[in-house]
Protein backbone atom coordinates (compact mmCIF):
# COMPACT_ATOMS: atom_id res chain seq x y z
CA MET A 1 -21.09 -31.90 -14.45
CA ALA A 2 -17.33 -31.99 -13.89
CA GLN A 3 -16.95 -29.00 -16.19
CA ASP A 4 -19.03 -26.93 -13.77
CA ARG A 5 -16.94 -27.85 -10.74
CA LEU A 6 -15.16 -24.95 -9.11
CA ILE A 7 -12.58 -25.17 -6.36
CA ARG A 8 -12.79 -22.45 -3.71
CA TRP A 9 -10.08 -22.64 -1.08
CA ALA A 10 -8.99 -20.30 1.69
CA LEU A 11 -6.08 -20.51 4.11
CA SER A 12 -5.28 -18.17 6.99
CA VAL A 13 -1.55 -17.41 6.97
CA THR A 14 -1.74 -15.65 10.32
CA SER A 15 -2.91 -18.89 11.94
CA LEU A 16 0.37 -20.66 11.13
CA THR A 17 2.74 -21.36 13.99
CA GLN A 18 6.42 -20.41 13.69
CA GLU A 19 7.24 -24.04 12.94
CA GLN A 20 4.56 -24.22 10.25
CA GLN A 21 5.79 -20.96 8.71
CA GLN A 22 9.29 -22.37 8.35
CA ALA A 23 7.98 -25.64 6.92
CA CYS A 24 5.90 -23.67 4.43
CA LEU A 25 8.81 -21.44 3.38
CA ALA A 26 10.88 -24.58 2.68
CA PHE A 27 8.42 -25.36 -0.13
CA THR A 28 9.68 -22.27 -1.96
CA ALA A 29 12.23 -24.66 -3.51
CA LEU A 30 9.38 -26.38 -5.40
CA LEU A 31 8.71 -23.26 -7.49
CA PRO A 32 10.50 -22.10 -10.67
CA PRO A 33 13.72 -20.10 -10.04
CA ALA A 34 12.17 -16.73 -10.94
CA GLU A 35 9.32 -17.26 -8.47
CA GLN A 36 11.75 -18.37 -5.77
CA THR A 37 13.74 -15.17 -6.24
CA ARG A 38 10.61 -13.03 -6.07
CA ILE A 39 9.40 -14.63 -2.85
CA ARG A 40 12.80 -14.37 -1.16
CA LYS A 41 12.88 -10.62 -1.84
CA PHE A 42 9.98 -9.97 0.53
CA VAL A 43 11.10 -8.13 3.65
CA HIS A 44 8.26 -9.35 5.86
CA THR A 45 7.68 -13.06 6.39
CA VAL A 46 3.90 -12.73 6.20
CA ASP A 47 4.15 -11.21 2.71
CA ALA A 48 6.37 -14.07 1.53
CA LEU A 49 3.92 -16.57 3.02
CA ARG A 50 0.92 -14.96 1.30
CA SER A 51 2.62 -15.13 -2.09
CA LEU A 52 3.97 -18.63 -1.57
CA VAL A 53 0.74 -20.13 -0.23
CA GLY A 54 -1.13 -18.70 -3.21
CA GLN A 55 1.20 -20.47 -5.61
CA LEU A 56 1.06 -23.73 -3.68
CA LEU A 57 -2.74 -23.69 -3.62
CA ALA A 58 -2.86 -22.92 -7.36
CA ARG A 59 -0.72 -25.90 -8.30
CA LEU A 60 -2.65 -28.25 -6.03
CA ALA A 61 -5.95 -27.04 -7.50
CA ILE A 62 -4.71 -27.62 -11.06
CA LEU A 63 -3.54 -31.11 -10.13
CA SER A 64 -7.01 -31.91 -8.81
CA PHE A 65 -8.39 -31.44 -12.34
CA LEU A 66 -5.70 -33.60 -13.97
CA PRO A 67 -5.54 -37.40 -14.27
CA ALA A 68 -4.54 -39.32 -11.16
CA GLY A 69 -0.81 -39.83 -11.00
CA THR A 70 0.12 -36.44 -12.46
CA ARG A 71 3.09 -35.12 -10.51
CA TRP A 72 3.94 -31.65 -9.19
CA ALA A 73 6.81 -31.16 -11.66
CA GLU A 74 4.48 -31.74 -14.63
CA VAL A 75 2.55 -28.52 -13.91
CA GLU A 76 4.06 -25.46 -15.59
CA ILE A 77 2.73 -22.01 -14.82
CA GLN A 78 3.92 -18.79 -16.45
CA ARG A 79 2.91 -15.13 -16.27
CA ASN A 80 1.53 -13.03 -19.12
CA ASP A 81 2.36 -9.39 -19.90
CA GLU A 82 -0.14 -8.26 -17.26
CA TRP A 83 1.76 -10.47 -14.76
CA LYS A 84 -1.24 -12.78 -14.45
CA PRO A 85 -0.29 -16.47 -13.92
CA TYR A 86 -1.71 -19.01 -16.35
CA LEU A 87 -1.38 -22.73 -16.98
CA VAL A 88 1.05 -23.67 -19.76
CA SER A 89 1.37 -27.41 -19.27
CA PRO A 90 -0.42 -29.74 -19.32
CA ALA A 91 -2.56 -27.89 -21.87
CA VAL A 92 -6.17 -28.08 -20.65
CA PRO A 93 -8.70 -25.89 -22.50
CA ASN A 94 -10.47 -23.33 -20.30
CA LEU A 95 -8.86 -24.52 -17.05
CA LEU A 96 -8.35 -21.24 -15.20
CA PHE A 97 -7.32 -20.24 -11.71
CA ASN A 98 -7.02 -17.02 -9.76
CA VAL A 99 -5.46 -16.19 -6.39
CA SER A 100 -5.89 -13.27 -4.01
CA HIS A 101 -4.44 -12.43 -0.63
CA GLN A 102 -5.06 -9.65 1.84
CA GLY A 103 -4.90 -9.40 5.60
CA ASP A 104 -5.10 -12.84 7.20
CA TRP A 105 -6.21 -14.79 4.15
CA VAL A 106 -5.03 -16.34 0.90
CA VAL A 107 -7.87 -17.48 -1.37
CA LEU A 108 -8.05 -19.45 -4.60
CA LEU A 109 -10.71 -20.00 -7.25
CA ALA A 110 -10.13 -22.59 -10.00
CA GLY A 111 -12.12 -24.44 -12.62
CA HIS A 112 -13.17 -24.57 -16.26
CA ALA A 113 -14.43 -21.15 -17.32
CA GLN A 114 -14.32 -18.41 -19.92
CA LEU A 115 -13.53 -15.87 -17.22
CA LEU A 116 -12.68 -16.36 -13.58
CA GLY A 117 -11.57 -13.93 -10.88
CA VAL A 118 -11.50 -13.69 -7.10
CA ASP A 119 -10.55 -11.01 -4.62
CA VAL A 120 -10.39 -10.85 -0.84
CA ALA A 121 -10.22 -7.52 0.98
CA ARG A 122 -9.77 -6.49 4.59
CA THR A 123 -12.14 -3.94 6.10
CA GLU A 124 -9.80 -1.27 7.43
CA MET A 125 -8.84 2.36 7.09
CA THR A 126 -5.25 3.49 6.94
CA ALA A 127 -3.97 6.46 8.95
CA ALA A 128 -5.70 8.65 11.52
CA GLN A 129 -7.97 10.77 9.33
CA LYS A 130 -11.57 11.57 8.55
CA LEU A 131 -13.48 8.93 6.66
CA SER A 132 -14.31 11.49 3.98
CA SER A 133 -10.60 12.18 3.54
CA TYR A 134 -9.90 8.46 3.19
CA PHE A 135 -12.64 8.10 0.58
CA SER A 136 -11.28 11.13 -1.30
CA TYR A 137 -8.27 9.06 -2.39
CA PHE A 138 -10.56 6.93 -4.62
CA PRO A 139 -12.59 9.34 -6.78
CA HIS A 140 -11.95 7.42 -10.01
CA VAL A 141 -12.64 3.95 -8.61
CA PHE A 142 -16.39 3.99 -8.02
CA THR A 143 -19.36 5.33 -9.97
CA ASP A 144 -21.87 7.76 -8.45
CA ARG A 145 -24.31 4.90 -7.91
CA GLU A 146 -21.63 2.81 -6.17
CA TRP A 147 -20.77 5.76 -3.89
CA GLU A 148 -24.47 5.98 -3.01
CA TYR A 149 -24.38 2.34 -1.94
CA ILE A 150 -21.15 2.84 0.02
CA ARG A 151 -22.58 5.86 1.84
CA GLY A 152 -25.91 4.16 2.51
CA TYR A 153 -28.01 5.83 -0.22
CA ARG A 154 -28.06 9.15 1.61
CA LYS A 155 -25.94 12.24 2.08
CA THR A 156 -24.49 12.18 5.54
CA ASP A 157 -22.00 13.88 7.79
CA ASP A 158 -21.35 10.63 9.63
CA GLU A 159 -18.09 10.15 7.77
CA GLU A 160 -16.56 13.21 9.45
CA GLY A 161 -13.82 12.32 11.89
CA CYS A 162 -12.80 9.44 14.09
CA ALA A 163 -14.36 8.96 17.49
CA GLU A 164 -11.12 9.84 19.24
CA GLU A 165 -7.50 10.63 18.55
CA LEU A 166 -5.38 7.66 17.55
CA PRO A 167 -2.00 6.96 19.14
CA THR A 168 0.94 8.57 17.40
CA GLY A 169 2.27 6.30 14.68
CA ALA A 170 -0.98 4.36 14.29
CA PHE A 171 -1.26 2.98 10.76
CA HIS A 172 -4.70 1.38 10.86
CA VAL A 173 -7.74 2.80 12.54
CA ASP A 174 -9.21 0.55 15.23
CA LEU A 175 -12.76 -0.02 13.95
CA ALA A 176 -13.96 -0.34 17.53
CA ILE A 177 -13.55 3.42 18.07
CA LEU A 178 -15.57 4.38 15.00
CA PRO A 179 -19.32 5.06 14.97
CA GLU A 180 -21.29 2.12 13.62
CA SER A 181 -22.40 4.13 10.57
CA GLN A 182 -18.75 4.63 9.58
CA VAL A 183 -17.91 0.96 10.08
CA GLN A 184 -20.79 0.01 7.79
CA GLN A 185 -19.56 2.45 5.14
CA LEU A 186 -16.09 0.91 5.32
CA HIS A 187 -17.62 -2.54 4.91
CA ARG A 188 -19.57 -1.43 1.83
CA PHE A 189 -16.45 0.31 0.44
CA HIS A 190 -14.40 -2.88 0.67
CA GLN A 191 -17.26 -5.00 -0.67
CA MET A 192 -17.31 -2.84 -3.81
CA TRP A 193 -13.52 -2.86 -3.98
CA ALA A 194 -13.46 -6.68 -3.92
CA LEU A 195 -16.13 -6.87 -6.64
CA LYS A 196 -14.18 -4.47 -8.88
CA GLU A 197 -10.97 -6.43 -8.39
CA SER A 198 -12.65 -9.78 -9.05
CA TYR A 199 -13.88 -8.57 -12.44
CA ILE A 200 -10.71 -6.85 -13.65
CA LYS A 201 -8.70 -9.88 -12.55
CA ALA A 202 -11.10 -12.12 -14.48
CA ILE A 203 -10.62 -10.12 -17.68
CA GLY A 204 -6.85 -9.91 -17.11
CA ARG A 205 -6.57 -6.19 -16.50
CA GLY A 206 -4.93 -4.24 -13.69
CA LEU A 207 -6.10 -1.26 -11.68
CA ASP A 208 -5.08 0.92 -14.63
CA ALA A 209 -8.44 0.00 -16.20
CA ASN A 210 -11.14 2.69 -16.19
CA LEU A 211 -12.99 1.41 -13.15
CA ARG A 212 -15.85 3.89 -13.47
CA HIS A 213 -16.85 2.11 -16.69
CA ILE A 214 -17.51 -0.95 -14.54
CA GLU A 215 -20.50 -0.68 -12.21
CA PHE A 216 -21.83 -3.11 -9.62
CA SER A 217 -25.30 -2.73 -8.15
CA VAL A 218 -26.83 -4.06 -4.97
CA PRO A 219 -30.60 -3.58 -4.47
CA GLU A 220 -31.31 -0.43 -2.45
CA GLY A 221 -31.84 -1.22 1.20
CA HIS A 222 -30.24 -4.65 0.80
CA VAL A 223 -27.82 -5.48 3.62
CA ILE A 224 -24.91 -7.83 2.90
CA SER A 225 -24.59 -10.30 5.76
CA LEU A 226 -21.21 -10.59 7.49
CA ASP A 227 -22.05 -14.21 8.36
CA PRO A 228 -19.41 -16.45 6.70
CA GLY A 229 -22.17 -18.92 5.87
CA HIS A 230 -24.07 -16.43 3.71
CA VAL A 231 -23.42 -16.01 -0.03
CA GLU A 232 -24.87 -12.90 -1.66
CA ARG A 233 -25.91 -13.27 -5.31
CA GLU A 234 -28.23 -10.28 -5.77
CA ILE A 235 -25.53 -8.28 -7.52
CA THR A 236 -25.57 -7.01 -11.09
CA LEU A 237 -22.72 -5.86 -13.31
CA SER A 238 -22.76 -3.29 -16.10
CA VAL A 239 -19.85 -2.36 -18.34
CA ASP A 240 -20.22 0.92 -20.23
CA GLY A 241 -23.92 0.82 -19.38
CA GLU A 242 -24.49 -2.70 -20.74
CA GLU A 243 -25.58 -5.36 -18.27
CA LYS A 244 -23.55 -8.57 -18.11
CA PRO A 245 -25.99 -11.21 -16.79
CA GLU A 246 -23.72 -14.03 -17.99
CA CYS A 247 -21.28 -13.06 -15.20
CA LEU A 248 -21.90 -15.04 -12.05
CA LEU A 249 -21.11 -12.71 -9.15
CA THR A 250 -20.91 -13.60 -5.48
CA LEU A 251 -20.01 -11.71 -2.34
CA SER A 252 -19.44 -13.37 1.02
CA TYR A 253 -17.28 -13.10 4.14
CA LEU A 254 -14.49 -15.33 5.39
CA ASP A 255 -14.80 -13.69 8.80
CA ALA A 256 -16.17 -10.41 10.13
CA LEU A 257 -13.39 -8.34 8.49
CA HIS A 258 -12.68 -10.06 5.17
CA PRO A 259 -15.18 -9.81 2.28
CA ILE A 260 -14.52 -12.04 -0.71
CA ALA A 261 -15.91 -11.56 -4.22
CA THR A 262 -15.94 -13.88 -7.21
CA CYS A 263 -16.65 -13.31 -10.90
CA HIS A 264 -17.17 -16.30 -13.17
CA VAL A 265 -18.38 -16.90 -16.72
CA ARG A 266 -18.93 -20.55 -17.51
CA ALA A 267 -16.87 -22.20 -20.25
CA ALA A 268 -20.09 -22.96 -22.17
CA THR A 269 -22.85 -20.37 -21.83
CA ALA A 270 -25.82 -19.36 -23.90
CA GLY A 271 -23.78 -16.41 -25.14
CA PRO A 272 -23.13 -12.80 -24.10
CA GLY A 273 -26.05 -11.18 -22.36
CA GLN A 274 -27.68 -14.47 -21.37
CA PRO A 275 -28.23 -15.10 -17.66
CA ALA A 276 -26.32 -17.94 -16.04
CA ALA A 277 -27.62 -20.39 -13.47
CA PRO A 278 -26.31 -19.98 -9.91
CA LEU A 279 -23.38 -22.03 -8.66
CA ALA A 280 -23.54 -24.59 -5.91
CA GLY A 281 -21.33 -24.68 -2.84
CA ASP A 282 -18.76 -27.31 -1.99
CA GLU A 283 -19.87 -30.81 -1.08
CA ASP A 284 -19.56 -30.03 2.63
CA GLY A 285 -21.76 -26.96 2.36
CA GLN A 286 -18.94 -24.43 2.63
CA TRP A 287 -18.63 -21.73 0.01
CA PHE A 288 -14.88 -21.24 0.40
CA LYS A 289 -13.39 -24.33 2.01
CA GLU A 290 -10.85 -23.42 4.68
CA ARG A 291 -7.70 -25.46 4.24
CA THR A 292 -5.32 -26.18 7.12
CA TRP A 293 -1.55 -26.26 6.93
CA ALA A 294 -1.55 -29.99 7.72
CA GLU A 295 -3.84 -30.65 4.72
CA LEU A 296 -1.75 -28.48 2.44
CA GLU A 297 1.55 -30.06 3.45
CA SER A 298 0.18 -33.60 3.12
CA SER A 299 -1.31 -32.89 -0.31
CA ILE A 300 1.96 -31.48 -1.63
CA ARG A 301 4.03 -34.40 -0.41
CA LYS A 302 1.67 -36.88 -2.11
CA VAL A 303 2.25 -35.36 -5.56
CA GLN A 304 5.99 -34.62 -5.40
């Protein structure tokens, strides 16, 4: 059914050449004045590109659901009080989209839904510090059960310290110098972070929400594959202790460092508390279809 179709796109901004970056930035002029101003305020080019590419992908995705011949200028997007973009015109019931960017990637999820959210994270640790110290910055983000998953369902001293001193001024820890047990904990930390973000973005809330009221569960002993071809669906969500089986949750990887989570409630479901059927992948077998700059540029020019 067309109503069940979801678009999942991903584009690596760090793969763009200097020439492609400049060509991309020229498309800033296609956005509303307020968005142009916001993008031009970014100090670092990569930050401007992440924001811009997200907006370009969103408009192209919306156009793919509209009648043939609809032009770029006919799509109007605004932001609500939570700063979340939404489609104003053309008015299409339940046509939602969500964008996320972190590290190398910009990702988009779009389709007809009651709720829809996506988040991409990068597995990293800022500053030269003990893993336990890094985790201590997030006491109100995860539940006790989620911390058990992150730490591997056991109390451990493995999180103490880095393998060696980092160079002065280092901002990100090189994962290659960490013990494997710490790397796995960082992966599980960012998997849970992406899941949390995907849900609060779907419901239109920010990180000011009480995140410990939202709990994700992965079966004990279950290992999430880092293979980009694998999509994990054995994840459950509870809010204030009540399970939400109508939420379709997925967790996958774009590459070995970037987990990506989605949260989706179909536009027509059997009602709250009713389980939803799993989603299919794209027609070419990919879960998130990687778009190239050449494809993006060509698509934009066709609808101008």
